[in-house]
PDB file of N, CA and C in Angstrom:
ATOM      1  N   MET A   1     -24.747 -11.485  17.598  1.00  0.00           N
ATOM      2  CA  MET A   1     -23.875 -10.714  17.905  1.00  0.00           C
ATOM      3  C   MET A   1     -24.386  -9.825  19.275  1.00  0.00           C
ATOM      4  N   SER A   2     -23.839  -9.445  20.343  1.00  0.00           N
ATOM      5  CA  SER A   2     -24.162  -8.730  21.252  1.00  0.00           C
ATOM      6  C   SER A   2     -23.889  -7.098  21.029  1.00  0.00           C
ATOM      7  N   LYS A   3     -25.014  -6.369  21.730  1.00  0.00           N
ATOM      8  CA  LYS A   3     -24.766  -5.273  21.426  1.00  0.00           C
ATOM      9  C   LYS A   3     -23.547  -4.447  21.855  1.00  0.00           C
ATOM     10  N   THR A   4     -22.735  -4.882  22.803  1.00  0.00           N
ATOM     11  CA  THR A   4     -21.490  -4.559  23.052  1.00  0.00           C
ATOM     12  C   THR A   4     -20.573  -4.962  22.113  1.00  0.00           C
ATOM     13  N   ALA A   5     -20.419  -6.265  21.797  1.00  0.00           N
ATOM     14  CA  ALA A   5     -19.730  -6.588  20.603  1.00  0.00           C
ATOM     15  C   ALA A   5     -19.718  -5.671  19.263  1.00  0.00           C
ATOM     16  N   LYS A   6     -20.825  -5.351  18.904  1.00  0.00           N
ATOM     17  CA  LYS A   6     -21.275  -4.426  17.911  1.00  0.00           C
ATOM     18  C   LYS A   6     -20.671  -3.406  17.908  1.00  0.00           C
ATOM     19  N   LYS A   7     -20.701  -2.791  19.184  1.00  0.00           N
ATOM     20  CA  LYS A   7     -20.233  -1.386  19.465  1.00  0.00           C
ATOM     21  C   LYS A   7     -18.718  -1.184  19.302  1.00  0.00           C
ATOM     22  N   SER A   8     -17.922  -2.226  19.492  1.00  0.00           N
ATOM     23  CA  SER A   8     -16.363  -2.582  19.725  1.00  0.00           C
ATOM     24  C   SER A   8     -16.251  -2.788  18.190  1.00  0.00           C
ATOM     25  N   GLN A   9     -16.928  -3.512  17.141  1.00  0.00           N
ATOM     26  CA  GLN A   9     -16.580  -3.582  15.832  1.00  0.00           C
ATOM     27  C   GLN A   9     -16.615  -2.340  14.923  1.00  0.00           C
ATOM     28  N   THR A  10     -15.462  -1.978  14.479  1.00  0.00           N
ATOM     29  CA  THR A  10     -15.683  -0.781  13.484  1.00  0.00           C
ATOM     30  C   THR A  10     -15.168  -0.975  12.169  1.00  0.00           C
ATOM     31  N   ALA A  11     -15.700  -0.762  11.021  1.00  0.00           N
ATOM     32  CA  ALA A  11     -14.916  -0.959   9.629  1.00  0.00           C
ATOM     33  C   ALA A  11     -13.951  -0.575   9.605  1.00  0.00           C
ATOM     34  N   ARG A  12     -12.775  -1.233   8.951  1.00  0.00           N
ATOM     35  CA  ARG A  12     -11.699  -0.587   8.576  1.00  0.00           C
ATOM     36  C   ARG A  12     -11.496  -0.615   6.987  1.00  0.00           C
ATOM     37  N   PHE A  13     -10.909   0.435   6.529  1.00  0.00           N
ATOM     38  CA  PHE A  13     -10.804   0.645   5.244  1.00  0.00           C
ATOM     39  C   PHE A  13      -9.421   0.950   5.069  1.00  0.00           C
ATOM     40  N   GLN A  14      -8.982   0.177   3.816  1.00  0.00           N
ATOM     41  CA  GLN A  14      -7.723   0.278   3.486  1.00  0.00           C
ATOM     42  C   GLN A  14      -7.901   0.563   1.843  1.00  0.00           C
ATOM     43  N   HIS A  15      -6.528   0.994   1.226  1.00  0.00           N
ATOM     44  CA  HIS A  15      -6.420   1.101  -0.188  1.00  0.00           C
ATOM     45  C   HIS A  15      -5.539   0.158  -1.075  1.00  0.00           C
ATOM     46  N   ARG A  16      -5.956  -0.434  -2.246  1.00  0.00           N
ATOM     47  CA  ARG A  16      -4.868  -1.313  -2.775  1.00  0.00           C
ATOM     48  C   ARG A  16      -3.929  -0.472  -3.379  1.00  0.00           C
ATOM     49  N   MET A  17      -2.648  -0.596  -3.745  1.00  0.00           N
ATOM     50  CA  MET A  17      -1.438  -0.138  -4.095  1.00  0.00           C
ATOM     51  C   MET A  17      -0.756  -1.410  -5.181  1.00  0.00           C
ATOM     52  N   SER A  18      -0.792  -1.062  -6.508  1.00  0.00           N
ATOM     53  CA  SER A  18      -0.091  -1.945  -7.332  1.00  0.00           C
ATOM     54  C   SER A  18       0.381  -1.266  -8.704  1.00  0.00           C
ATOM     55  N   GLY A  19       1.663  -1.630  -9.387  1.00  0.00           N
ATOM     56  CA  GLY A  19       2.053  -1.222 -10.453  1.00  0.00           C
ATOM     57  C   GLY A  19       3.402  -1.959 -10.643  1.00  0.00           C
ATOM     58  N   ARG A  20       3.924  -1.162 -11.463  1.00  0.00           N
ATOM     59  CA  ARG A  20       5.356  -1.651 -11.759  1.00  0.00           C
ATOM     60  C   ARG A  20       6.458  -0.391 -11.553  1.00  0.00           C
ATOM     61  N   THR A  21       7.698  -0.585 -10.943  1.00  0.00           N
ATOM     62  CA  THR A  21       8.534   0.053 -10.756  1.00  0.00           C
ATOM     63  C   THR A  21       9.089   0.725 -12.132  1.00  0.00           C
ATOM     64  N   THR A  22       9.895   1.899 -11.901  1.00  0.00           N
ATOM     65  CA  THR A  22      10.627   2.629 -12.810  1.00  0.00           C
ATOM     66  C   THR A  22      11.677   1.558 -13.486  1.00  0.00           C
ATOM     67  N   VAL A  23      12.340   1.450 -14.603  1.00  0.00           N
ATOM     68  CA  VAL A  23      13.223   0.731 -14.979  1.00  0.00           C
ATOM     69  C   VAL A  23      14.409   1.215 -14.894  1.00  0.00           C
ATOM     70  N   THR A  24      15.290   0.427 -14.115  1.00  0.00           N
ATOM     71  CA  THR A  24      16.879   0.562 -13.624  1.00  0.00           C
ATOM     72  C   THR A  24      17.447  -0.471 -13.963  1.00  0.00           C
ATOM     73  N   GLN A  25      18.716  -0.429 -14.463  1.00  0.00           N
ATOM     74  CA  GLN A  25      19.593  -1.411 -15.220  1.00  0.00           C
ATOM     75  C   GLN A  25      19.168  -2.551 -15.937  1.00  0.00           C
ATOM     76  N   GLY A  26      17.967  -1.969 -16.802  1.00  0.00           N
ATOM     77  CA  GLY A  26      17.400  -2.913 -17.730  1.00  0.00           C
ATOM     78  C   GLY A  26      16.372  -3.930 -17.135  1.00  0.00           C
ATOM     79  N   HIS A  27      15.736  -3.271 -15.997  1.00  0.00           N
ATOM     80  CA  HIS A  27      14.458  -4.383 -15.393  1.00  0.00           C
ATOM     81  C   HIS A  27      13.826  -3.325 -14.673  1.00  0.00           C
ATOM     82  N   GLN A  28      12.608  -3.834 -14.100  1.00  0.00           N
ATOM     83  CA  GLN A  28      11.600  -3.282 -13.283  1.00  0.00           C
ATOM     84  C   GLN A  28      10.909  -4.397 -12.364  1.00  0.00           C
ATOM     85  N   HIS A  29      10.356  -4.208 -11.597  1.00  0.00           N
ATOM     86  CA  HIS A  29       9.781  -4.970 -10.538  1.00  0.00           C
ATOM     87  C   HIS A  29       8.398  -4.847 -10.358  1.00  0.00           C
ATOM     88  N   ARG A  30       7.302  -5.652 -10.494  1.00  0.00           N
ATOM     89  CA  ARG A  30       5.993  -5.382  -9.914  1.00  0.00           C
ATOM     90  C   ARG A  30       5.778  -5.197  -8.381  1.00  0.00           C
ATOM     91  N   PHE A  31       4.736  -4.677  -7.748  1.00  0.00           N
ATOM     92  CA  PHE A  31       4.568  -4.326  -6.715  1.00  0.00           C
ATOM     93  C   PHE A  31       3.042  -4.276  -6.495  1.00  0.00           C
ATOM     94  N   ARG A  32       2.469  -4.922  -5.068  1.00  0.00           N
ATOM     95  CA  ARG A  32       1.263  -5.005  -4.680  1.00  0.00           C
ATOM     96  C   ARG A  32       1.174  -4.782  -3.078  1.00  0.00           C
ATOM     97  N   ASN A  33       0.438  -3.986  -2.378  1.00  0.00           N
ATOM     98  CA  ASN A  33       0.054  -4.210  -1.129  1.00  0.00           C
ATOM     99  C   ASN A  33      -1.104  -3.261  -0.852  1.00  0.00           C
ATOM    100  N   LEU A  34      -1.266  -3.509   0.563  1.00  0.00           N
ATOM    101  CA  LEU A  34      -2.569  -2.436   1.156  1.00  0.00           C
ATOM    102  C   LEU A  34      -2.016  -1.101   1.845  1.00  0.00           C
ATOM    103  N   THR A  35      -2.563  -0.303   1.955  1.00  0.00           N
ATOM    104  CA  THR A  35      -2.231   0.962   2.624  1.00  0.00           C
ATOM    105  C   THR A  35      -2.219   0.122   4.170  1.00  0.00           C
ATOM    106  N   ASP A  36      -1.639   0.914   5.086  1.00  0.00           N
ATOM    107  CA  ASP A  36      -1.524   0.397   6.548  1.00  0.00           C
ATOM    108  C   ASP A  36      -2.308   1.639   7.220  1.00  0.00           C
ATOM    109  N   ARG A  37      -1.813   2.468   8.262  1.00  0.00           N
ATOM    110  CA  ARG A  37      -2.168   3.134   8.901  1.00  0.00           C
ATOM    111  C   ARG A  37      -2.826   4.429   8.603  1.00  0.00           C
ATOM    112  N   LEU A  38      -3.983   4.807   9.134  1.00  0.00           N
ATOM    113  CA  LEU A  38      -4.532   6.303   8.564  1.00  0.00           C
ATOM    114  C   LEU A  38      -3.883   7.374   9.249  1.00  0.00           C
ATOM    115  N   ILE A  39      -3.639   8.183   8.826  1.00  0.00           N
ATOM    116  CA  ILE A  39      -2.915   9.446   9.540  1.00  0.00           C
ATOM    117  C   ILE A  39      -3.834  10.918   9.159  1.00  0.00           C
ATOM    118  N   PRO A  40      -4.490  11.146  10.269  1.00  0.00           N
ATOM    119  CA  PRO A  40      -5.680  12.203   9.902  1.00  0.00           C
ATOM    120  C   PRO A  40      -4.561  13.692   9.807  1.00  0.00           C
ATOM    121  N   GLY A  41      -5.346  14.506   8.844  1.00  0.00           N
ATOM    122  CA  GLY A  41      -4.886  15.905   8.712  1.00  0.00           C
ATOM    123  C   GLY A  41      -6.031  16.576   8.841  1.00  0.00           C
ATOM    124  N   ASN A  42      -5.739  18.107   8.279  1.00  0.00           N
ATOM    125  CA  ASN A  42      -6.495  19.275   8.374  1.00  0.00           C
ATOM    126  C   ASN A  42      -7.573  18.871   7.302  1.00  0.00           C
ATOM    127  N   GLY A  43      -8.920  18.319   7.561  1.00  0.00           N
ATOM    128  CA  GLY A  43      -9.614  18.137   6.696  1.00  0.00           C
ATOM    129  C   GLY A  43      -9.568  17.253   5.639  1.00  0.00           C
ATOM    130  N   THR A  44      -8.410  16.242   5.749  1.00  0.00           N
ATOM    131  CA  THR A  44      -7.853  15.208   4.847  1.00  0.00           C
ATOM    132  C   THR A  44      -7.377  14.158   5.556  1.00  0.00           C
ATOM    133  N   HIS A  45      -6.756  13.210   4.749  1.00  0.00           N
ATOM    134  CA  HIS A  45      -5.871  12.072   5.589  1.00  0.00           C
ATOM    135  C   HIS A  45      -5.070  11.514   4.605  1.00  0.00           C
ATOM    136  N   ARG A  46      -4.126  10.716   5.020  1.00  0.00           N
ATOM    137  CA  ARG A  46      -2.995  10.036   4.457  1.00  0.00           C
ATOM    138  C   ARG A  46      -2.765   8.875   4.952  1.00  0.00           C
ATOM    139  N   HIS A  47      -2.077   7.737   4.260  1.00  0.00           N
ATOM    140  CA  HIS A  47      -1.897   6.322   4.994  1.00  0.00           C
ATOM    141  C   HIS A  47      -0.452   6.095   4.624  1.00  0.00           C
ATOM    142  N   SER A  48       0.176   5.154   5.772  1.00  0.00           N
ATOM    143  CA  SER A  48       1.431   4.574   5.501  1.00  0.00           C
ATOM    144  C   SER A  48       1.258   3.628   5.009  1.00  0.00           C
ATOM    145  N   PHE A  49       2.456   3.105   4.144  1.00  0.00           N
ATOM    146  CA  PHE A  49       2.288   1.737   3.303  1.00  0.00           C
ATOM    147  C   PHE A  49       3.982   1.396   3.520  1.00  0.00           C
ATOM    148  N   ASN A  50       4.079  -0.186   3.268  1.00  0.00           N
ATOM    149  CA  ASN A  50       5.244  -0.681   3.236  1.00  0.00           C
ATOM    150  C   ASN A  50       4.898  -2.092   2.387  1.00  0.00           C
ATOM    151  N   GLY A  51       6.001  -2.492   1.845  1.00  0.00           N
ATOM    152  CA  GLY A  51       6.056  -3.631   1.067  1.00  0.00           C
ATOM    153  C   GLY A  51       7.293  -4.301   0.682  1.00  0.00           C
ATOM    154  N   ILE A  52       7.085  -5.234  -0.083  1.00  0.00           N
ATOM    155  CA  ILE A  52       8.391  -5.666  -0.965  1.00  0.00           C
ATOM    156  C   ILE A  52       8.096  -6.075  -2.297  1.00  0.00           C
ATOM    157  N   THR A  53       8.847  -5.823  -3.380  1.00  0.00           N
ATOM    158  CA  THR A  53       8.497  -6.060  -4.753  1.00  0.00           C
ATOM    159  C   THR A  53       8.613  -7.475  -5.238  1.00  0.00           C
ATOM    160  N   GLN A  54       8.148  -7.966  -6.197  1.00  0.00           N
ATOM    161  CA  GLN A  54       8.312  -9.278  -6.788  1.00  0.00           C
ATOM    162  C   GLN A  54       9.635  -9.514  -7.063  1.00  0.00           C
ATOM    163  N   ILE A  55       9.989 -10.736  -7.105  1.00  0.00           N
ATOM    164  CA  ILE A  55      11.687 -10.824  -7.401  1.00  0.00           C
ATOM    165  C   ILE A  55      11.557 -10.665  -8.677  1.00  0.00           C
ATOM    166  N   THR A  56      12.788 -10.016  -9.719  1.00  0.00           N
ATOM    167  CA  THR A  56      13.349 -10.206 -10.818  1.00  0.00           C
ATOM    168  C   THR A  56      14.951  -9.958 -10.884  1.00  0.00           C
ATOM    169  N   ASN A  57      15.463 -10.801 -11.837  1.00  0.00           N
ATOM    170  CA  ASN A  57      17.235 -10.811 -11.905  1.00  0.00           C
ATOM    171  C   ASN A  57      17.407 -11.300 -10.458  1.00  0.00           C
ATOM    172  N   GLY A  58      16.640 -12.018  -9.878  1.00  0.00           N
ATOM    173  CA  GLY A  58      17.373 -12.517  -8.724  1.00  0.00           C
ATOM    174  C   GLY A  58      17.111 -11.956  -7.371  1.00  0.00           C
ATOM    175  N   HIS A  59      16.467 -10.752  -7.375  1.00  0.00           N
ATOM    176  CA  HIS A  59      16.512  -9.925  -6.240  1.00  0.00           C
ATOM    177  C   HIS A  59      15.081  -9.302  -5.860  1.00  0.00           C
ATOM    178  N   ARG A  60      14.800  -8.492  -5.170  1.00  0.00           N
ATOM    179  CA  ARG A  60      13.891  -7.617  -4.648  1.00  0.00           C
ATOM    180  C   ARG A  60      14.169  -6.367  -4.122  1.00  0.00           C
ATOM    181  N   HIS A  61      12.980  -5.671  -3.843  1.00  0.00           N
ATOM    182  CA  HIS A  61      13.468  -4.082  -3.228  1.00  0.00           C
ATOM    183  C   HIS A  61      12.122  -4.239  -2.089  1.00  0.00           C
ATOM    184  N   SER A  62      12.661  -3.476  -0.890  1.00  0.00           N
ATOM    185  CA  SER A  62      11.641  -3.205   0.147  1.00  0.00           C
ATOM    186  C   SER A  62      11.450  -2.045  -0.065  1.00  0.00           C
ATOM    187  N   TYR A  63      10.228  -1.203   0.417  1.00  0.00           N
ATOM    188  CA  TYR A  63       9.981   0.086   0.252  1.00  0.00           C
ATOM    189  C   TYR A  63       8.843   0.530   1.320  1.00  0.00           C
ATOM    190  N   SER A  64       8.645   1.655   1.937  1.00  0.00           N
ATOM    191  CA  SER A  64       7.680   2.245   2.690  1.00  0.00           C
ATOM    192  C   SER A  64       7.458   3.787   2.486  1.00  0.00           C
ATOM    193  N   GLY A  65       6.468   4.095   3.007  1.00  0.00           N
ATOM    194  CA  GLY A  65       6.146   5.625   2.830  1.00  0.00           C
ATOM    195  C   GLY A  65       5.018   6.290   3.264  1.00  0.00           C
ATOM    196  N   ILE A  66       4.385   7.278   2.753  1.00  0.00           N
ATOM    197  CA  ILE A  66       3.183   7.641   3.215  1.00  0.00           C
ATOM    198  C   ILE A  66       2.687   8.266   1.964  1.00  0.00           C
ATOM    199  N   THR A  67       1.097   8.036   1.556  1.00  0.00           N
ATOM    200  CA  THR A  67       0.566   8.776   0.418  1.00  0.00           C
ATOM    201  C   THR A  67       0.504   9.881   0.665  1.00  0.00           C
ATOM    202  N   GLY A  68       0.059  10.605  -0.362  1.00  0.00           N
ATOM    203  CA  GLY A  68      -0.610  12.129  -0.652  1.00  0.00           C
ATOM    204  C   GLY A  68      -1.813  12.122   0.186  1.00  0.00           C
ATOM    205  N   ASN A  69      -2.200  13.429   0.292  1.00  0.00           N
ATOM    206  CA  ASN A  69      -3.709  13.583   0.705  1.00  0.00           C
ATOM    207  C   ASN A  69      -4.614  12.883  -0.020  1.00  0.00           C
ATOM    208  N   ALA A  70      -5.976  13.040   0.583  1.00  0.00           N
ATOM    209  CA  ALA A  70      -6.908  12.308  -0.128  1.00  0.00           C
ATOM    210  C   ALA A  70      -7.510  13.141  -1.115  1.00  0.00           C
ATOM    211  N   ILE A  71      -7.831  12.304  -2.634  1.00  0.00           N
ATOM    212  CA  ILE A  71      -8.200  13.239  -3.801  1.00  0.00           C
ATOM    213  C   ILE A  71      -9.679  12.988  -3.816  1.00  0.00           C
ATOM    214  N   ASN A  72     -10.341  13.694  -4.380  1.00  0.00           N
ATOM    215  CA  ASN A  72     -12.033  13.241  -4.555  1.00  0.00           C
ATOM    216  C   ASN A  72     -12.633  13.327  -3.373  1.00  0.00           C
ATOM    217  N   GLY A  73     -12.334  14.204  -2.191  1.00  0.00           N
ATOM    218  CA  GLY A  73     -12.916  14.129  -1.006  1.00  0.00           C
ATOM    219  C   GLY A  73     -12.680  12.948   0.033  1.00  0.00           C
ATOM    220  N   GLN A  74     -13.481  12.480   0.856  1.00  0.00           N
ATOM    221  CA  GLN A  74     -13.079  11.704   1.808  1.00  0.00           C
ATOM    222  C   GLN A  74     -13.781  10.286   1.712  1.00  0.00           C
ATOM    223  N   GLY A  75     -14.959  10.341   0.746  1.00  0.00           N
ATOM    224  CA  GLY A  75     -16.037   9.428   0.942  1.00  0.00           C
ATOM    225  C   GLY A  75     -15.463   8.127   0.101  1.00  0.00           C
ATOM    226  N   ALA A  76     -16.671   7.631  -0.394  1.00  0.00           N
ATOM    227  CA  ALA A  76     -16.261   5.962  -1.007  1.00  0.00           C
ATOM    228  C   ALA A  76     -15.368   6.077  -2.363  1.00  0.00           C
ATOM    229  N   ARG A  77     -15.260   7.306  -2.591  1.00  0.00           N
ATOM    230  CA  ARG A  77     -14.451   7.366  -4.215  1.00  0.00           C
ATOM    231  C   ARG A  77     -13.265   7.876  -4.137  1.00  0.00           C
ATOM    232  N   HIS A  78     -12.917   8.269  -3.072  1.00  0.00           N
ATOM    233  CA  HIS A  78     -11.665   9.010  -2.968  1.00  0.00           C
ATOM    234  C   HIS A  78     -10.281   7.928  -3.368  1.00  0.00           C
ATOM    235  N   PHE A  79      -9.278   8.547  -3.231  1.00  0.00           N
ATOM    236  CA  PHE A  79      -8.038   7.670  -3.624  1.00  0.00           C
ATOM    237  C   PHE A  79      -6.885   8.794  -3.232  1.00  0.00           C
ATOM    238  N   HIS A  80      -5.707   7.924  -3.526  1.00  0.00           N
ATOM    239  CA  HIS A  80      -4.423   8.799  -2.855  1.00  0.00           C
ATOM    240  C   HIS A  80      -3.380   8.581  -3.949  1.00  0.00           C
ATOM    241  N   ARG A  81      -2.537   9.597  -4.354  1.00  0.00           N
ATOM    242  CA  ARG A  81      -1.426   9.394  -5.098  1.00  0.00           C
ATOM    243  C   ARG A  81       0.005   9.093  -4.110  1.00  0.00           C
ATOM    244  N   PHE A  82       0.722   8.573  -4.778  1.00  0.00           N
ATOM    245  CA  PHE A  82       2.084   8.042  -4.040  1.00  0.00           C
ATOM    246  C   PHE A  82       3.405   8.104  -4.940  1.00  0.00           C
ATOM    247  N   ARG A  83       4.204   8.332  -4.250  1.00  0.00           N
ATOM    248  CA  ARG A  83       5.762   8.374  -5.089  1.00  0.00           C
ATOM    249  C   ARG A  83       7.024   8.138  -3.972  1.00  0.00           C
ATOM    250  N   GLN A  84       7.821   6.935  -4.277  1.00  0.00           N
ATOM    251  CA  GLN A  84       8.553   6.408  -3.145  1.00  0.00           C
ATOM    252  C   GLN A  84       9.630   5.992  -3.856  1.00  0.00           C
ATOM    253  N   VAL A  85      10.828   5.990  -3.329  1.00  0.00           N
ATOM    254  CA  VAL A  85      12.083   5.374  -3.778  1.00  0.00           C
ATOM    255  C   VAL A  85      12.176   4.191  -2.822  1.00  0.00           C
ATOM    256  N   SER A  86      12.566   2.865  -3.646  1.00  0.00           N
ATOM    257  CA  SER A  86      12.795   1.869  -2.932  1.00  0.00           C
ATOM    258  C   SER A  86      13.916   1.965  -2.179  1.00  0.00           C
ATOM    259  N   ARG A  87      14.271   0.673  -1.255  1.00  0.00           N
ATOM    260  CA  ARG A  87      15.595   0.633  -0.691  1.00  0.00           C
ATOM    261  C   ARG A  87      16.582  -0.080  -1.410  1.00  0.00           C
ATOM    262  N   ILE A  88      17.729   0.315  -1.571  1.00  0.00           N
ATOM    263  CA  ILE A  88      18.950  -0.233  -2.253  1.00  0.00           C
ATOM    264  C   ILE A  88      18.962  -1.995  -2.425  1.00  0.00           C
ATOM    265  N   ALA A  89      19.084  -2.566  -3.407  1.00  0.00           N
ATOM    266  CA  ALA A  89      19.063  -3.980  -3.314  1.00  0.00           C
ATOM    267  C   ALA A  89      19.743  -4.194  -4.656  1.00  0.00           C
ATOM    268  N   ASN A  90      20.800  -4.929  -4.822  1.00  0.00           N
ATOM    269  CA  ASN A  90      21.770  -5.324  -5.873  1.00  0.00           C
ATOM    270  C   ASN A  90      22.407  -4.056  -6.478  1.00  0.00           C
ATOM    271  N   GLY A  91      22.510  -3.193  -5.635  1.00  0.00           N
ATOM    272  CA  GLY A  91      23.578  -1.833  -5.921  1.00  0.00           C
ATOM    273  C   GLY A  91      22.696  -0.911  -6.616  1.00  0.00           C
ATOM    274  N   HIS A  92      21.224  -1.117  -6.416  1.00  0.00           N
ATOM    275  CA  HIS A  92      20.222   0.059  -7.152  1.00  0.00           C
ATOM    276  C   HIS A  92      18.880   0.241  -6.646  1.00  0.00           C
ATOM    277  N   ARG A  93      18.499   1.324  -6.898  1.00  0.00           N
ATOM    278  CA  ARG A  93      16.916   1.598  -6.505  1.00  0.00           C
ATOM    279  C   ARG A  93      16.022   1.914  -7.975  1.00  0.00           C
ATOM    280  N   HIS A  94      14.950   1.725  -7.363  1.00  0.00           N
ATOM    281  CA  HIS A  94      13.705   1.933  -8.333  1.00  0.00           C
ATOM    282  C   HIS A  94      12.676   2.956  -7.788  1.00  0.00           C
ATOM    283  N   ILE A  95      12.041   3.807  -8.326  1.00  0.00           N
ATOM    284  CA  ILE A  95      10.868   4.589  -7.747  1.00  0.00           C
ATOM    285  C   ILE A  95       9.484   4.095  -8.282  1.00  0.00           C
ATOM    286  N   LEU A  96       8.706   3.794  -7.104  1.00  0.00           N
ATOM    287  CA  LEU A  96       7.226   3.186  -7.343  1.00  0.00           C
ATOM    288  C   LEU A  96       6.208   4.420  -6.953  1.00  0.00           C
ATOM    289  N   SER A  97       5.539   4.508  -7.884  1.00  0.00           N
ATOM    290  CA  SER A  97       4.523   5.815  -8.139  1.00  0.00           C
ATOM    291  C   SER A  97       3.382   5.259  -8.667  1.00  0.00           C
ATOM    292  N   GLY A  98       2.133   6.173  -8.523  1.00  0.00           N
ATOM    293  CA  GLY A  98       0.795   5.868  -8.993  1.00  0.00           C
ATOM    294  C   GLY A  98      -0.254   6.151  -8.311  1.00  0.00           C
ATOM    295  N   ARG A  99      -1.561   5.928  -8.266  1.00  0.00           N
ATOM    296  CA  ARG A  99      -2.423   6.016  -7.325  1.00  0.00           C
ATOM    297  C   ARG A  99      -3.027   4.925  -6.656  1.00  0.00           C
ATOM    298  N   THR A 100      -3.654   5.023  -5.599  1.00  0.00           N
ATOM    299  CA  THR A 100      -4.244   3.845  -5.002  1.00  0.00           C
ATOM    300  C   THR A 100      -5.788   3.675  -5.286  1.00  0.00           C
ATOM    301  N   SER A 101      -6.210   2.465  -4.972  1.00  0.00           N
ATOM    302  CA  SER A 101      -7.589   2.133  -5.380  1.00  0.00           C
ATOM    303  C   SER A 101      -8.375   2.998  -4.576  1.00  0.00           C
ATOM    304  N   VAL A 102      -9.878   3.251  -4.870  1.00  0.00           N
ATOM    305  CA  VAL A 102     -10.646   3.493  -3.913  1.00  0.00           C
ATOM    306  C   VAL A 102     -10.764   2.799  -2.509  1.00  0.00           C
ATOM    307  N   PRO A 103     -11.444   3.158  -1.447  1.00  0.00           N
ATOM    308  CA  PRO A 103     -11.230   2.419  -0.272  1.00  0.00           C
ATOM    309  C   PRO A 103     -11.896   1.251  -0.399  1.00  0.00           C
ATOM    310  N   ILE A 104     -11.436   0.034   0.490  1.00  0.00           N
ATOM    311  CA  ILE A 104     -12.001  -1.311   0.390  1.00  0.00           C
ATOM    312  C   ILE A 104     -12.200  -1.628   1.587  1.00  0.00           C
ATOM    313  N   ARG A 105     -13.364  -2.239   2.222  1.00  0.00           N
ATOM    314  CA  ARG A 105     -13.228  -2.958   3.394  1.00  0.00           C
ATOM    315  C   ARG A 105     -12.760  -3.962   3.770  1.00  0.00           C
ATOM    316  N   VAL A 106     -11.878  -3.962   4.655  1.00  0.00           N
ATOM    317  CA  VAL A 106     -10.761  -5.319   4.790  1.00  0.00           C
ATOM    318  C   VAL A 106     -11.108  -5.974   6.168  1.00  0.00           C
ATOM    319  N   SER A 107     -11.840  -5.025   7.025  1.00  0.00           N
ATOM    320  CA  SER A 107     -12.390  -5.896   8.398  1.00  0.00           C
ATOM    321  C   SER A 107     -13.448  -5.257   9.082  1.00  0.00           C
ATOM    322  N   GLY A 108     -13.887  -5.858   9.861  1.00  0.00           N
ATOM    323  CA  GLY A 108     -14.855  -5.349  10.837  1.00  0.00           C
ATOM    324  C   GLY A 108     -14.341  -4.620  11.929  1.00  0.00           C
ATOM    325  N   SER A 109     -13.098  -5.206  12.029  1.00  0.00           N
ATOM    326  CA  SER A 109     -12.517  -4.582  12.989  1.00  0.00           C
ATOM    327  C   SER A 109     -11.362  -3.773  13.360  1.00  0.00           C
ATOM    328  N   SER A 110     -11.417  -2.725  13.918  1.00  0.00           N
ATOM    329  CA  SER A 110     -10.322  -1.566  14.108  1.00  0.00           C
ATOM    330  C   SER A 110      -8.988  -2.079  14.483  1.00  0.00           C
ATOM    331  N   LYS A 111      -9.182  -3.257  15.257  1.00  0.00           N
ATOM    332  CA  LYS A 111      -7.865  -3.965  15.765  1.00  0.00           C
ATOM    333  C   LYS A 111      -7.052  -4.821  14.641  1.00  0.00           C
ATOM    334  N   HIS A 112      -7.842  -5.249  13.661  1.00  0.00           N
ATOM    335  CA  HIS A 112      -7.165  -6.044  12.792  1.00  0.00           C
ATOM    336  C   HIS A 112      -5.939  -5.265  11.936  1.00  0.00           C
ATOM    337  N   ARG A 113      -4.966  -6.070  11.542  1.00  0.00           N
ATOM    338  CA  ARG A 113      -3.595  -5.619  11.088  1.00  0.00           C
ATOM    339  C   ARG A 113      -3.334  -6.557   9.898  1.00  0.00           C
ATOM    340  N   HIS A 114      -3.041  -6.089   8.597  1.00  0.00           N
ATOM    341  CA  HIS A 114      -2.159  -6.899   7.759  1.00  0.00           C
ATOM    342  C   HIS A 114      -0.802  -6.704   7.854  1.00  0.00           C
ATOM    343  N   SER A 115      -0.266  -7.844   7.310  1.00  0.00           N
ATOM    344  CA  SER A 115       1.036  -8.212   7.227  1.00  0.00           C
ATOM    345  C   SER A 115       1.386  -7.847   5.823  1.00  0.00           C
ATOM    346  N   ILE A 116       2.640  -8.011   5.502  1.00  0.00           N
ATOM    347  CA  ILE A 116       3.053  -7.701   4.112  1.00  0.00           C
ATOM    348  C   ILE A 116       2.617  -8.898   3.533  1.00  0.00           C
ATOM    349  N   ILE A 117       1.988  -8.349   1.948  1.00  0.00           N
ATOM    350  CA  ILE A 117       1.850  -9.616   1.152  1.00  0.00           C
ATOM    351  C   ILE A 117       2.992  -9.862   0.480  1.00  0.00           C
ATOM    352  N   ILE A 118       3.292 -11.083   0.562  1.00  0.00           N
ATOM    353  CA  ILE A 118       4.372 -11.671  -0.771  1.00  0.00           C
ATOM    354  C   ILE A 118       3.728 -12.905  -1.170  1.00  0.00           C
ATOM    355  N   GLU A 119       4.078 -12.923  -2.624  1.00  0.00           N
ATOM    356  CA  GLU A 119       3.826 -13.752  -3.477  1.00  0.00           C
ATOM    357  C   GLU A 119       4.570 -14.761  -3.998  1.00  0.00           C
ATOM    358  N   SER A 120       4.360 -15.708  -4.545  1.00  0.00           N
ATOM    359  CA  SER A 120       5.197 -16.890  -4.999  1.00  0.00           C
ATOM    360  C   SER A 120       5.494 -16.016  -6.255  1.00  0.00           C
ATOM    361  N   ILE A 121       6.644 -16.087  -6.444  1.00  0.00           N
ATOM    362  CA  ILE A 121       7.184 -15.795  -7.867  1.00  0.00           C
ATOM    363  C   ILE A 121       7.747 -16.789  -8.957  1.00  0.00           C
ATOM    364  N   LYS A 122       7.420 -17.050 -10.160  1.00  0.00           N
ATOM    365  CA  LYS A 122       8.053 -17.802 -11.010  1.00  0.00           C
ATOM    366  C   LYS A 122       8.990 -17.157 -11.966  1.00  0.00           C
ATOM    367  N   GLN A 123      10.430 -17.526 -11.895  1.00  0.00           N
ATOM    368  CA  GLN A 123      11.380 -17.047 -12.762  1.00  0.00           C
ATOM    369  C   GLN A 123      11.226 -17.386 -14.250  1.00  0.00           C
ATOM    370  N   LYS A 124      11.412 -16.647 -15.320  1.00  0.00           N
ATOM    371  CA  LYS A 124      11.340 -17.082 -16.625  1.00  0.00           C
ATOM    372  C   LYS A 124      12.576 -17.322 -17.280  1.00  0.00           C
TER     373      LYS A 124
END
């Protein structure tokens, strides 16, 4: 790799988000995604995120939001808390909340983007 190519390559770090929504109308959904854009702040930062829950009871919910500020500094051990209400589907909403993973390296390029992660779901 040339020196010019090395200079244009920047490590991109994101956080994993996963969990279960609140129980509404007798069911809940699993969710899993990566944070997206880094939003700088005064001595801290946040991340935007979006995703779609897994299918339960024949439907799923989309969601998007912004994490809280970095907790535990801004180094390799920091994480973020999040709490977001999903969009309405099948006449109701759910709340997604929790904390992200510590940062994970997802790319060597700052231009690399991830699309929404959607998994194959087996109905019981």
